[in-house]
Amino acid sequence: MSMMRLQSGFTLSKLLMICVVFGVVAMLAMKLVPEYLEYYKIKSGVVAVAQEANSNPNSTVADIRRGFERRAEIDHLKNFSAADLDISKEGNRVVVEFAYERKVHLFSNISVLIDFSGSSAD
């Protein structure tokens, strides 16, 4: 009795399908990762200026906004400014909040809308 050896491996159609899936994932990553990096830069700037304001009881809203503008300039934030910050006081703590949305064009007539929000109290 002869044993038949089964062949295994990828067919050309499977290989093309895998390449398409990886291509779509790579395209999404290239388009969306910069937006999330910008969000984390904004978040870290907000937390830093809130900590500075909490350590200095004489800080004004204008001082907090100027501090954030300096950080935004260093981090090269082009689409977000200190005017977009909501600054309030809860008890003895200064809380800085922000919320914004970004529309990221993917291809043809398909886009992704991302809502970002954060707070120094998180």
PDB file of N, CA and C in Angstrom:
ATOM      1  N   MET A   1       0.827  -1.172   0.000  1.00  0.00           N
ATOM      2  CA  MET A   1       0.000   0.000   0.000  1.00  0.00           C
ATOM      3  C   MET A   1       0.884   1.253   0.000  1.00  0.00           C
ATOM      4  N   SER A   2       0.700   2.099  -0.938  1.00  0.00           N
ATOM      5  CA  SER A   2       1.519   3.309  -1.016  1.00  0.00           C
ATOM      6  C   SER A   2       0.864   4.440  -0.225  1.00  0.00           C
ATOM      7  N   MET A   3       1.702   5.129   0.444  1.00  0.00           N
ATOM      8  CA  MET A   3       1.200   6.263   1.237  1.00  0.00           C
ATOM      9  C   MET A   3       1.248   7.526   0.390  1.00  0.00           C
ATOM     10  N   MET A   4       0.164   8.225   0.386  1.00  0.00           N
ATOM     11  CA  MET A   4       0.119   9.500  -0.330  1.00  0.00           C
ATOM     12  C   MET A   4       0.516  10.610   0.652  1.00  0.00           C
ATOM     13  N   ARG A   5       1.391  11.404   0.211  1.00  0.00           N
ATOM     14  CA  ARG A   5       1.816  12.533   1.033  1.00  0.00           C
ATOM     15  C   ARG A   5       0.966  13.746   0.663  1.00  0.00           C
ATOM     16  N   LEU A   6       0.322  14.334   1.676  1.00  0.00           N
ATOM     17  CA  LEU A   6      -0.506  15.514   1.440  1.00  0.00           C
ATOM     18  C   LEU A   6       0.372  16.743   1.379  1.00  0.00           C
ATOM     19  N   GLN A   7       0.096  17.570   0.414  1.00  0.00           N
ATOM     20  CA  GLN A   7       0.838  18.812   0.296  1.00  0.00           C
ATOM     21  C   GLN A   7       0.175  19.864   1.175  1.00  0.00           C
ATOM     22  N   SER A   8       0.986  20.665   1.772  1.00  0.00           N
ATOM     23  CA  SER A   8       0.452  21.753   2.587  1.00  0.00           C
ATOM     24  C   SER A   8       1.173  23.037   2.218  1.00  0.00           C
ATOM     25  N   GLY A   9       0.541  24.138   2.528  1.00  0.00           N
ATOM     26  CA  GLY A   9       1.140  25.430   2.224  1.00  0.00           C
ATOM     27  C   GLY A   9       0.073  26.414   1.809  1.00  0.00           C
ATOM     28  N   PHE A  10       0.513  27.557   1.362  1.00  0.00           N
ATOM     29  CA  PHE A  10      -0.398  28.604   0.925  1.00  0.00           C
ATOM     30  C   PHE A  10      -0.660  28.483  -0.565  1.00  0.00           C
ATOM     31  N   THR A  11      -1.888  28.709  -0.914  1.00  0.00           N
ATOM     32  CA  THR A  11      -2.198  28.861  -2.331  1.00  0.00           C
ATOM     33  C   THR A  11      -2.032  30.330  -2.661  1.00  0.00           C
ATOM     34  N   LEU A  12      -1.996  30.659  -3.890  1.00  0.00           N
ATOM     35  CA  LEU A  12      -1.824  32.052  -4.303  1.00  0.00           C
ATOM     36  C   LEU A  12      -2.988  32.905  -3.827  1.00  0.00           C
ATOM     37  N   SER A  13      -4.192  32.374  -3.854  1.00  0.00           N
ATOM     38  CA  SER A  13      -5.353  33.154  -3.411  1.00  0.00           C
ATOM     39  C   SER A  13      -5.295  33.434  -1.907  1.00  0.00           C
ATOM     40  N   LYS A  14      -4.845  32.482  -1.110  1.00  0.00           N
ATOM     41  CA  LYS A  14      -4.713  32.721   0.331  1.00  0.00           C
ATOM     42  C   LYS A  14      -3.638  33.766   0.597  1.00  0.00           C
ATOM     43  N   LEU A  15      -2.549  33.685  -0.115  1.00  0.00           N
ATOM     44  CA  LEU A  15      -1.471  34.647   0.061  1.00  0.00           C
ATOM     45  C   LEU A  15      -1.932  36.054  -0.298  1.00  0.00           C
ATOM     46  N   LEU A  16      -2.688  36.198  -1.376  1.00  0.00           N
ATOM     47  CA  LEU A  16      -3.196  37.505  -1.757  1.00  0.00           C
ATOM     48  C   LEU A  16      -4.189  38.039  -0.722  1.00  0.00           C
ATOM     49  N   MET A  17      -5.032  37.170  -0.192  1.00  0.00           N
ATOM     50  CA  MET A  17      -6.000  37.589   0.818  1.00  0.00           C
ATOM     51  C   MET A  17      -5.276  38.066   2.080  1.00  0.00           C
ATOM     52  N   ILE A  18      -4.266  37.364   2.487  1.00  0.00           N
ATOM     53  CA  ILE A  18      -3.496  37.764   3.671  1.00  0.00           C
ATOM     54  C   ILE A  18      -2.802  39.101   3.426  1.00  0.00           C
ATOM     55  N   CYS A  19      -2.255  39.285   2.230  1.00  0.00           N
ATOM     56  CA  CYS A  19      -1.608  40.558   1.897  1.00  0.00           C
ATOM     57  C   CYS A  19      -2.605  41.708   1.919  1.00  0.00           C
ATOM     58  N   VAL A  20      -3.820  41.488   1.437  1.00  0.00           N
ATOM     59  CA  VAL A  20      -4.844  42.535   1.452  1.00  0.00           C
ATOM     60  C   VAL A  20      -5.216  42.884   2.881  1.00  0.00           C
ATOM     61  N   VAL A  21      -5.393  41.890   3.730  1.00  0.00           N
ATOM     62  CA  VAL A  21      -5.751  42.146   5.137  1.00  0.00           C
ATOM     63  C   VAL A  21      -4.634  42.928   5.826  1.00  0.00           C
ATOM     64  N   PHE A  22      -3.396  42.509   5.649  1.00  0.00           N
ATOM     65  CA  PHE A  22      -2.280  43.241   6.251  1.00  0.00           C
ATOM     66  C   PHE A  22      -2.162  44.644   5.677  1.00  0.00           C
ATOM     67  N   GLY A  23      -2.453  44.809   4.409  1.00  0.00           N
ATOM     68  CA  GLY A  23      -2.419  46.137   3.798  1.00  0.00           C
ATOM     69  C   GLY A  23      -3.454  47.068   4.395  1.00  0.00           C
ATOM     70  N   VAL A  24      -4.662  46.570   4.605  1.00  0.00           N
ATOM     71  CA  VAL A  24      -5.726  47.386   5.200  1.00  0.00           C
ATOM     72  C   VAL A  24      -5.366  47.757   6.641  1.00  0.00           C
ATOM     73  N   VAL A  25      -4.871  46.809   7.401  1.00  0.00           N
ATOM     74  CA  VAL A  25      -4.469  47.083   8.791  1.00  0.00           C
ATOM     75  C   VAL A  25      -3.327  48.099   8.823  1.00  0.00           C
ATOM     76  N   ALA A  26      -2.368  47.966   7.935  1.00  0.00           N
ATOM     77  CA  ALA A  26      -1.242  48.915   7.887  1.00  0.00           C
ATOM     78  C   ALA A  26      -1.728  50.311   7.508  1.00  0.00           C
ATOM     79  N   MET A  27      -2.659  50.400   6.556  1.00  0.00           N
ATOM     80  CA  MET A  27      -3.177  51.701   6.156  1.00  0.00           C
ATOM     81  C   MET A  27      -3.924  52.362   7.314  1.00  0.00           C
ATOM     82  N   LEU A  28      -4.749  51.588   8.019  1.00  0.00           N
ATOM     83  CA  LEU A  28      -5.454  52.135   9.183  1.00  0.00           C
ATOM     84  C   LEU A  28      -4.471  52.624  10.241  1.00  0.00           C
ATOM     85  N   ALA A  29      -3.448  51.853  10.485  1.00  0.00           N
ATOM     86  CA  ALA A  29      -2.452  52.245  11.488  1.00  0.00           C
ATOM     87  C   ALA A  29      -1.740  53.531  11.075  1.00  0.00           C
ATOM     88  N   MET A  30      -1.364  53.638   9.813  1.00  0.00           N
ATOM     89  CA  MET A  30      -0.656  54.841   9.354  1.00  0.00           C
ATOM     90  C   MET A  30      -1.529  56.083   9.435  1.00  0.00           C
ATOM     91  N   LYS A  31      -2.825  55.932   9.282  1.00  0.00           N
ATOM     92  CA  LYS A  31      -3.732  57.079   9.328  1.00  0.00           C
ATOM     93  C   LYS A  31      -4.156  57.429  10.758  1.00  0.00           C
ATOM     94  N   LEU A  32      -4.336  56.431  11.633  1.00  0.00           N
ATOM     95  CA  LEU A  32      -4.907  56.674  12.951  1.00  0.00           C
ATOM     96  C   LEU A  32      -3.880  56.865  14.061  1.00  0.00           C
ATOM     97  N   VAL A  33      -2.732  56.242  13.965  1.00  0.00           N
ATOM     98  CA  VAL A  33      -1.726  56.341  15.033  1.00  0.00           C
ATOM     99  C   VAL A  33      -1.288  57.786  15.282  1.00  0.00           C
ATOM    100  N   PRO A  34      -1.058  58.611  14.253  1.00  0.00           N
ATOM    101  CA  PRO A  34      -0.687  60.007  14.548  1.00  0.00           C
ATOM    102  C   PRO A  34      -1.745  60.774  15.343  1.00  0.00           C
ATOM    103  N   GLU A  35      -3.016  60.480  15.104  1.00  0.00           N
ATOM    104  CA  GLU A  35      -4.075  61.148  15.856  1.00  0.00           C
ATOM    105  C   GLU A  35      -4.033  60.749  17.332  1.00  0.00           C
ATOM    106  N   TYR A  36      -3.786  59.483  17.600  1.00  0.00           N
ATOM    107  CA  TYR A  36      -3.697  59.030  18.990  1.00  0.00           C
ATOM    108  C   TYR A  36      -2.433  59.546  19.660  1.00  0.00           C
ATOM    109  N   LEU A  37      -1.356  59.678  18.930  1.00  0.00           N
ATOM    110  CA  LEU A  37      -0.136  60.260  19.503  1.00  0.00           C
ATOM    111  C   LEU A  37      -0.369  61.714  19.895  1.00  0.00           C
ATOM    112  N   GLU A  38      -1.083  62.437  19.035  1.00  0.00           N
ATOM    113  CA  GLU A  38      -1.408  63.824  19.357  1.00  0.00           C
ATOM    114  C   GLU A  38      -2.284  63.896  20.607  1.00  0.00           C
ATOM    115  N   TYR A  39      -3.239  62.984  20.734  1.00  0.00           N
ATOM    116  CA  TYR A  39      -4.100  62.945  21.925  1.00  0.00           C
ATOM    117  C   TYR A  39      -3.253  62.744  23.183  1.00  0.00           C
ATOM    118  N   TYR A  40      -2.302  61.827  23.147  1.00  0.00           N
ATOM    119  CA  TYR A  40      -1.487  61.573  24.338  1.00  0.00           C
ATOM    120  C   TYR A  40      -0.565  62.744  24.654  1.00  0.00           C
ATOM    121  N   LYS A  41      -0.138  63.491  23.645  1.00  0.00           N
ATOM    122  CA  LYS A  41       0.645  64.704  23.896  1.00  0.00           C
ATOM    123  C   LYS A  41      -0.218  65.757  24.585  1.00  0.00           C
ATOM    124  N   ILE A  42      -1.447  65.918  24.094  1.00  0.00           N
ATOM    125  CA  ILE A  42      -2.365  66.880  24.713  1.00  0.00           C
ATOM    126  C   ILE A  42      -2.656  66.467  26.152  1.00  0.00           C
ATOM    127  N   LYS A  43      -2.930  65.207  26.350  1.00  0.00           N
ATOM    128  CA  LYS A  43      -3.256  64.687  27.694  1.00  0.00           C
ATOM    129  C   LYS A  43      -2.095  64.926  28.664  1.00  0.00           C
ATOM    130  N   SER A  44      -0.863  64.629  28.227  1.00  0.00           N
ATOM    131  CA  SER A  44       0.275  64.829  29.127  1.00  0.00           C
ATOM    132  C   SER A  44       0.500  66.311  29.408  1.00  0.00           C
ATOM    133  N   GLY A  45       0.271  67.170  28.430  1.00  0.00           N
ATOM    134  CA  GLY A  45       0.391  68.611  28.654  1.00  0.00           C
ATOM    135  C   GLY A  45      -0.646  69.124  29.630  1.00  0.00           C
ATOM    136  N   VAL A  46      -1.876  68.635  29.513  1.00  0.00           N
ATOM    137  CA  VAL A  46      -2.954  69.039  30.417  1.00  0.00           C
ATOM    138  C   VAL A  46      -2.649  68.611  31.849  1.00  0.00           C
ATOM    139  N   VAL A  47      -2.189  67.388  32.015  1.00  0.00           N
ATOM    140  CA  VAL A  47      -1.854  66.897  33.352  1.00  0.00           C
ATOM    141  C   VAL A  47      -0.706  67.715  33.947  1.00  0.00           C
ATOM    142  N   ALA A  48       0.296  68.037  33.132  1.00  0.00           N
ATOM    143  CA  ALA A  48       1.448  68.796  33.630  1.00  0.00           C
ATOM    144  C   ALA A  48       1.058  70.212  34.054  1.00  0.00           C
ATOM    145  N   VAL A  49       0.257  70.901  33.232  1.00  0.00           N
ATOM    146  CA  VAL A  49      -0.117  72.269  33.621  1.00  0.00           C
ATOM    147  C   VAL A  49      -1.058  72.262  34.823  1.00  0.00           C
ATOM    148  N   ALA A  50      -1.879  71.235  34.965  1.00  0.00           N
ATOM    149  CA  ALA A  50      -2.749  71.145  36.141  1.00  0.00           C
ATOM    150  C   ALA A  50      -1.918  70.907  37.400  1.00  0.00           C
ATOM    151  N   GLN A  51      -0.890  70.082  37.303  1.00  0.00           N
ATOM    152  CA  GLN A  51      -0.024  69.852  38.458  1.00  0.00           C
ATOM    153  C   GLN A  51       0.716  71.131  38.837  1.00  0.00           C
ATOM    154  N   GLU A  52       1.184  71.866  37.832  1.00  0.00           N
ATOM    155  CA  GLU A  52       1.854  73.140  38.110  1.00  0.00           C
ATOM    156  C   GLU A  52       0.892  74.115  38.786  1.00  0.00           C
ATOM    157  N   ALA A  53      -0.340  74.180  38.290  1.00  0.00           N
ATOM    158  CA  ALA A  53      -1.324  75.099  38.864  1.00  0.00           C
ATOM    159  C   ALA A  53      -1.690  74.686  40.288  1.00  0.00           C
ATOM    160  N   ASN A  54      -1.758  73.392  40.545  1.00  0.00           N
ATOM    161  CA  ASN A  54      -2.089  72.929  41.890  1.00  0.00           C
ATOM    162  C   ASN A  54      -0.948  73.172  42.868  1.00  0.00           C
ATOM    163  N   SER A  55       0.285  73.195  42.378  1.00  0.00           N
ATOM    164  CA  SER A  55       1.418  73.463  43.263  1.00  0.00           C
ATOM    165  C   SER A  55       1.594  74.956  43.525  1.00  0.00           C
ATOM    166  N   ASN A  56       1.029  75.797  42.674  1.00  0.00           N
ATOM    167  CA  ASN A  56       1.125  77.240  42.844  1.00  0.00           C
ATOM    168  C   ASN A  56      -0.288  77.802  43.034  1.00  0.00           C
ATOM    169  N   PRO A  57      -0.685  78.144  44.245  1.00  0.00           N
ATOM    170  CA  PRO A  57      -2.066  78.595  44.488  1.00  0.00           C
ATOM    171  C   PRO A  57      -2.399  79.938  43.839  1.00  0.00           C
ATOM    172  N   ASN A  58      -1.408  80.684  43.390  1.00  0.00           N
ATOM    173  CA  ASN A  58      -1.653  81.989  42.766  1.00  0.00           C
ATOM    174  C   ASN A  58      -1.806  81.902  41.258  1.00  0.00           C
ATOM    175  N   SER A  59      -1.873  80.700  40.697  1.00  0.00           N
ATOM    176  CA  SER A  59      -2.010  80.538  39.254  1.00  0.00           C
ATOM    177  C   SER A  59      -3.378  81.009  38.791  1.00  0.00           C
ATOM    178  N   THR A  60      -3.372  81.710  37.673  1.00  0.00           N
ATOM    179  CA  THR A  60      -4.624  82.158  37.081  1.00  0.00           C
ATOM    180  C   THR A  60      -4.925  81.300  35.849  1.00  0.00           C
ATOM    181  N   VAL A  61      -6.116  81.480  35.326  1.00  0.00           N
ATOM    182  CA  VAL A  61      -6.499  80.758  34.108  1.00  0.00           C
ATOM    183  C   VAL A  61      -5.569  81.141  32.956  1.00  0.00           C
ATOM    184  N   ALA A  62      -5.212  82.392  32.881  1.00  0.00           N
ATOM    185  CA  ALA A  62      -4.297  82.848  31.822  1.00  0.00           C
ATOM    186  C   ALA A  62      -2.926  82.183  31.968  1.00  0.00           C
ATOM    187  N   ASP A  63      -2.446  82.022  33.197  1.00  0.00           N
ATOM    188  CA  ASP A  63      -1.163  81.343  33.419  1.00  0.00           C
ATOM    189  C   ASP A  63      -1.232  79.889  32.951  1.00  0.00           C
ATOM    190  N   ILE A  64      -2.342  79.230  33.239  1.00  0.00           N
ATOM    191  CA  ILE A  64      -2.503  77.827  32.829  1.00  0.00           C
ATOM    192  C   ILE A  64      -2.528  77.730  31.314  1.00  0.00           C
ATOM    193  N   ARG A  65      -3.244  78.627  30.662  1.00  0.00           N
ATOM    194  CA  ARG A  65      -3.310  78.607  29.192  1.00  0.00           C
ATOM    195  C   ARG A  65      -1.934  78.886  28.571  1.00  0.00           C
ATOM    196  N   ARG A  66      -1.206  79.846  29.130  1.00  0.00           N
ATOM    197  CA  ARG A  66       0.149  80.137  28.616  1.00  0.00           C
ATOM    198  C   ARG A  66       1.075  78.935  28.799  1.00  0.00           C
ATOM    199  N   GLY A  67       0.957  78.273  29.947  1.00  0.00           N
ATOM    200  CA  GLY A  67       1.775  77.082  30.188  1.00  0.00           C
ATOM    201  C   GLY A  67       1.469  75.980  29.192  1.00  0.00           C
ATOM    202  N   PHE A  68       0.192  75.811  28.888  1.00  0.00           N
ATOM    203  CA  PHE A  68      -0.163  74.793  27.892  1.00  0.00           C
ATOM    204  C   PHE A  68       0.318  75.197  26.500  1.00  0.00           C
ATOM    205  N   GLU A  69       0.215  76.478  26.152  1.00  0.00           N
ATOM    206  CA  GLU A  69       0.687  76.938  24.830  1.00  0.00           C
ATOM    207  C   GLU A  69       2.181  76.671  24.659  1.00  0.00           C
ATOM    208  N   ARG A  70       2.955  76.888  25.718  1.00  0.00           N
ATOM    209  CA  ARG A  70       4.398  76.596  25.631  1.00  0.00           C
ATOM    210  C   ARG A  70       4.632  75.112  25.385  1.00  0.00           C
ATOM    211  N   ARG A  71       3.897  74.272  26.093  1.00  0.00           N
ATOM    212  CA  ARG A  71       4.039  72.822  25.899  1.00  0.00           C
ATOM    213  C   ARG A  71       3.561  72.404  24.505  1.00  0.00           C
ATOM    214  N   ALA A  72       2.501  73.024  24.031  1.00  0.00           N
ATOM    215  CA  ALA A  72       1.981  72.700  22.696  1.00  0.00           C
ATOM    216  C   ALA A  72       2.980  73.089  21.617  1.00  0.00           C
ATOM    217  N   GLU A  73       3.678  74.186  21.831  1.00  0.00           N
ATOM    218  CA  GLU A  73       4.697  74.606  20.859  1.00  0.00           C
ATOM    219  C   GLU A  73       5.866  73.622  20.849  1.00  0.00           C
ATOM    220  N   ILE A  74       6.272  73.162  22.011  1.00  0.00           N
ATOM    221  CA  ILE A  74       7.372  72.199  22.095  1.00  0.00           C
ATOM    222  C   ILE A  74       6.975  70.872  21.454  1.00  0.00           C
ATOM    223  N   ASP A  75       5.716  70.426  21.681  1.00  0.00           N
ATOM    224  CA  ASP A  75       5.243  69.153  21.142  1.00  0.00           C
ATOM    225  C   ASP A  75       4.729  69.256  19.709  1.00  0.00           C
ATOM    226  N   HIS A  76       4.789  70.462  19.119  1.00  0.00           N
ATOM    227  CA  HIS A  76       4.349  70.690  17.736  1.00  0.00           C
ATOM    228  C   HIS A  76       2.875  70.332  17.539  1.00  0.00           C
ATOM    229  N   LEU A  77       2.032  70.775  18.454  1.00  0.00           N
ATOM    230  CA  LEU A  77       0.592  70.567  18.310  1.00  0.00           C
ATOM    231  C   LEU A  77       0.036  71.691  17.443  1.00  0.00           C
ATOM    232  N   LYS A  78      -0.437  71.348  16.267  1.00  0.00           N
ATOM    233  CA  LYS A  78      -0.904  72.355  15.324  1.00  0.00           C
ATOM    234  C   LYS A  78      -2.420  72.544  15.366  1.00  0.00           C
ATOM    235  N   ASN A  79      -3.159  71.495  15.686  1.00  0.00           N
ATOM    236  CA  ASN A  79      -4.613  71.527  15.561  1.00  0.00           C
ATOM    237  C   ASN A  79      -5.338  71.671  16.893  1.00  0.00           C
ATOM    238  N   PHE A  80      -4.625  72.037  17.920  1.00  0.00           N
ATOM    239  CA  PHE A  80      -5.233  72.174  19.243  1.00  0.00           C
ATOM    240  C   PHE A  80      -4.571  73.338  19.955  1.00  0.00           C
ATOM    241  N   SER A  81      -5.372  74.183  20.593  1.00  0.00           N
ATOM    242  CA  SER A  81      -4.799  75.340  21.280  1.00  0.00           C
ATOM    243  C   SER A  81      -5.324  75.405  22.711  1.00  0.00           C
ATOM    244  N   ALA A  82      -4.750  76.305  23.473  1.00  0.00           N
ATOM    245  CA  ALA A  82      -5.148  76.466  24.868  1.00  0.00           C
ATOM    246  C   ALA A  82      -6.565  77.008  24.984  1.00  0.00           C
ATOM    247  N   ALA A  83      -7.072  77.637  23.960  1.00  0.00           N
ATOM    248  CA  ALA A  83      -8.445  78.148  23.988  1.00  0.00           C
ATOM    249  C   ALA A  83      -9.461  77.007  24.033  1.00  0.00           C
ATOM    250  N   ASP A  84      -9.049  75.808  23.640  1.00  0.00           N
ATOM    251  CA  ASP A  84      -9.936  74.645  23.648  1.00  0.00           C
ATOM    252  C   ASP A  84     -10.008  73.964  25.014  1.00  0.00           C
ATOM    253  N   LEU A  85      -9.273  74.458  25.988  1.00  0.00           N
ATOM    254  CA  LEU A  85      -9.260  73.853  27.318  1.00  0.00           C
ATOM    255  C   LEU A  85     -10.399  74.396  28.174  1.00  0.00           C
ATOM    256  N   ASP A  86     -10.992  73.536  28.979  1.00  0.00           N
ATOM    257  CA  ASP A  86     -11.986  73.937  29.982  1.00  0.00           C
ATOM    258  C   ASP A  86     -11.302  73.847  31.338  1.00  0.00           C
ATOM    259  N   ILE A  87     -11.128  74.988  31.982  1.00  0.00           N
ATOM    260  CA  ILE A  87     -10.411  75.045  33.254  1.00  0.00           C
ATOM    261  C   ILE A  87     -11.405  75.372  34.354  1.00  0.00           C
ATOM    262  N   SER A  88     -11.409  74.527  35.387  1.00  0.00           N
ATOM    263  CA  SER A  88     -12.314  74.744  36.509  1.00  0.00           C
ATOM    264  C   SER A  88     -11.594  74.382  37.798  1.00  0.00           C
ATOM    265  N   LYS A  89     -12.261  74.668  38.896  1.00  0.00           N
ATOM    266  CA  LYS A  89     -11.688  74.352  40.192  1.00  0.00           C
ATOM    267  C   LYS A  89     -12.683  73.482  40.942  1.00  0.00           C
ATOM    268  N   GLU A  90     -12.220  72.326  41.383  1.00  0.00           N
ATOM    269  CA  GLU A  90     -13.046  71.410  42.169  1.00  0.00           C
ATOM    270  C   GLU A  90     -12.403  71.279  43.548  1.00  0.00           C
ATOM    271  N   GLY A  91     -13.029  71.885  44.509  1.00  0.00           N
ATOM    272  CA  GLY A  91     -12.434  71.907  45.845  1.00  0.00           C
ATOM    273  C   GLY A  91     -11.209  72.805  45.821  1.00  0.00           C
ATOM    274  N   ASN A  92     -10.070  72.275  46.191  1.00  0.00           N
ATOM    275  CA  ASN A  92      -8.815  73.027  46.157  1.00  0.00           C
ATOM    276  C   ASN A  92      -7.958  72.665  44.955  1.00  0.00           C
ATOM    277  N   ARG A  93      -8.507  71.847  44.054  1.00  0.00           N
ATOM    278  CA  ARG A  93      -7.714  71.382  42.904  1.00  0.00           C
ATOM    279  C   ARG A  93      -8.182  72.044  41.613  1.00  0.00           C
ATOM    280  N   VAL A  94      -7.219  72.372  40.782  1.00  0.00           N
ATOM    281  CA  VAL A  94      -7.514  72.875  39.442  1.00  0.00           C
ATOM    282  C   VAL A  94      -7.685  71.660  38.538  1.00  0.00           C
ATOM    283  N   VAL A  95      -8.772  71.645  37.775  1.00  0.00           N
ATOM    284  CA  VAL A  95      -9.049  70.555  36.841  1.00  0.00           C
ATOM    285  C   VAL A  95      -9.095  71.147  35.438  1.00  0.00           C
ATOM    286  N   VAL A  96      -8.297  70.565  34.561  1.00  0.00           N
ATOM    287  CA  VAL A  96      -8.253  71.009  33.172  1.00  0.00           C
ATOM    288  C   VAL A  96      -8.817  69.879  32.317  1.00  0.00           C
ATOM    289  N   GLU A  97      -9.834  70.201  31.512  1.00  0.00           N
ATOM    290  CA  GLU A  97     -10.482  69.202  30.661  1.00  0.00           C
ATOM    291  C   GLU A  97     -10.420  69.651  29.211  1.00  0.00           C
ATOM    292  N   PHE A  98     -10.537  68.676  28.315  1.00  0.00           N
ATOM    293  CA  PHE A  98     -10.576  68.989  26.890  1.00  0.00           C
ATOM    294  C   PHE A  98     -11.412  67.940  26.174  1.00  0.00           C
ATOM    295  N   ALA A  99     -11.968  68.339  25.058  1.00  0.00           N
ATOM    296  CA  ALA A  99     -12.726  67.424  24.207  1.00  0.00           C
ATOM    297  C   ALA A  99     -12.666  67.975  22.782  1.00  0.00           C
ATOM    298  N   TYR A 100     -12.423  67.094  21.856  1.00  0.00           N
ATOM    299  CA  TYR A 100     -12.381  67.485  20.447  1.00  0.00           C
ATOM    300  C   TYR A 100     -12.614  66.251  19.594  1.00  0.00           C
ATOM    301  N   GLU A 101     -12.848  66.479  18.325  1.00  0.00           N
ATOM    302  CA  GLU A 101     -13.034  65.357  17.405  1.00  0.00           C
ATOM    303  C   GLU A 101     -12.170  65.573  16.174  1.00  0.00           C
ATOM    304  N   ARG A 102     -11.780  64.465  15.587  1.00  0.00           N
ATOM    305  CA  ARG A 102     -10.967  64.485  14.365  1.00  0.00           C
ATOM    306  C   ARG A 102     -11.626  63.606  13.319  1.00  0.00           C
ATOM    307  N   LYS A 103     -11.657  64.095  12.106  1.00  0.00           N
ATOM    308  CA  LYS A 103     -12.153  63.328  10.973  1.00  0.00           C
ATOM    309  C   LYS A 103     -10.937  62.936  10.142  1.00  0.00           C
ATOM    310  N   VAL A 104     -10.718  61.632  10.014  1.00  0.00           N
ATOM    311  CA  VAL A 104      -9.556  61.118   9.299  1.00  0.00           C
ATOM    312  C   VAL A 104     -10.035  60.477   8.006  1.00  0.00           C
ATOM    313  N   HIS A 105      -9.577  61.032   6.892  1.00  0.00           N
ATOM    314  CA  HIS A 105      -9.941  60.491   5.584  1.00  0.00           C
ATOM    315  C   HIS A 105      -9.134  59.221   5.320  1.00  0.00           C
ATOM    316  N   LEU A 106      -9.817  58.136   4.995  1.00  0.00           N
ATOM    317  CA  LEU A 106      -9.131  56.879   4.711  1.00  0.00           C
ATOM    318  C   LEU A 106      -8.875  56.725   3.211  1.00  0.00           C
ATOM    319  N   PHE A 107      -9.931  56.603   2.440  1.00  0.00           N
ATOM    320  CA  PHE A 107      -9.817  56.515   0.989  1.00  0.00           C
ATOM    321  C   PHE A 107     -11.182  56.779   0.384  1.00  0.00           C
ATOM    322  N   SER A 108     -11.200  57.171  -0.864  1.00  0.00           N
ATOM    323  CA  SER A 108     -12.424  57.449  -1.610  1.00  0.00           C
ATOM    324  C   SER A 108     -13.337  58.320  -0.762  1.00  0.00           C
ATOM    325  N   ASN A 109     -14.532  57.867  -0.466  1.00  0.00           N
ATOM    326  CA  ASN A 109     -15.449  58.657   0.347  1.00  0.00           C
ATOM    327  C   ASN A 109     -15.636  58.046   1.736  1.00  0.00           C
ATOM    328  N   ILE A 110     -14.621  57.386   2.248  1.00  0.00           N
ATOM    329  CA  ILE A 110     -14.683  56.739   3.560  1.00  0.00           C
ATOM    330  C   ILE A 110     -13.766  57.476   4.531  1.00  0.00           C
ATOM    331  N   SER A 111     -14.352  57.886   5.650  1.00  0.00           N
ATOM    332  CA  SER A 111     -13.609  58.586   6.696  1.00  0.00           C
ATOM    333  C   SER A 111     -13.960  57.988   8.045  1.00  0.00           C
ATOM    334  N   VAL A 112     -13.124  58.285   9.030  1.00  0.00           N
ATOM    335  CA  VAL A 112     -13.345  57.847  10.402  1.00  0.00           C
ATOM    336  C   VAL A 112     -13.426  59.092  11.266  1.00  0.00           C
ATOM    337  N   LEU A 113     -14.451  59.174  12.109  1.00  0.00           N
ATOM    338  CA  LEU A 113     -14.607  60.274  13.046  1.00  0.00           C
ATOM    339  C   LEU A 113     -14.264  59.765  14.437  1.00  0.00           C
ATOM    340  N   ILE A 114     -13.288  60.415  15.086  1.00  0.00           N
ATOM    341  CA  ILE A 114     -12.825  59.990  16.403  1.00  0.00           C
ATOM    342  C   ILE A 114     -13.108  61.114  17.394  1.00  0.00           C
ATOM    343  N   ASP A 115     -13.783  60.787  18.485  1.00  0.00           N
ATOM    344  CA  ASP A 115     -14.032  61.750  19.568  1.00  0.00           C
ATOM    345  C   ASP A 115     -13.006  61.521  20.670  1.00  0.00           C
ATOM    346  N   PHE A 116     -12.253  62.563  20.977  1.00  0.00           N
ATOM    347  CA  PHE A 116     -11.264  62.489  22.048  1.00  0.00           C
ATOM    348  C   PHE A 116     -11.724  63.370  23.198  1.00  0.00           C
ATOM    349  N   SER A 117     -11.472  62.942  24.414  1.00  0.00           N
ATOM    350  CA  SER A 117     -11.720  63.772  25.580  1.00  0.00           C
ATOM    351  C   SER A 117     -10.801  63.303  26.695  1.00  0.00           C
ATOM    352  N   GLY A 118     -10.478  64.219  27.574  1.00  0.00           N
ATOM    353  CA  GLY A 118      -9.598  63.877  28.684  1.00  0.00           C
ATOM    354  C   GLY A 118      -9.675  64.938  29.756  1.00  0.00           C
ATOM    355  N   SER A 119      -9.076  64.622  30.876  1.00  0.00           N
ATOM    356  CA  SER A 119      -9.099  65.515  32.018  1.00  0.00           C
ATOM    357  C   SER A 119      -7.851  65.280  32.854  1.00  0.00           C
ATOM    358  N   SER A 120      -7.456  66.312  33.560  1.00  0.00           N
ATOM    359  CA  SER A 120      -6.319  66.168  34.464  1.00  0.00           C
ATOM    360  C   SER A 120      -6.710  65.404  35.714  1.00  0.00           C
ATOM    361  N   ALA A 121      -8.005  65.210  35.937  1.00  0.00           N
ATOM    362  CA  ALA A 121      -8.488  64.496  37.117  1.00  0.00           C
ATOM    363  C   ALA A 121      -8.497  62.990  36.906  1.00  0.00           C
ATOM    364  N   ASP A 122      -8.322  62.511  35.675  1.00  0.00           N
ATOM    365  CA  ASP A 122      -8.346  61.070  35.381  1.00  0.00           C
ATOM    366  C   ASP A 122      -7.164  60.355  35.981  1.00  0.00           C
TER     367      ASP A 122
END
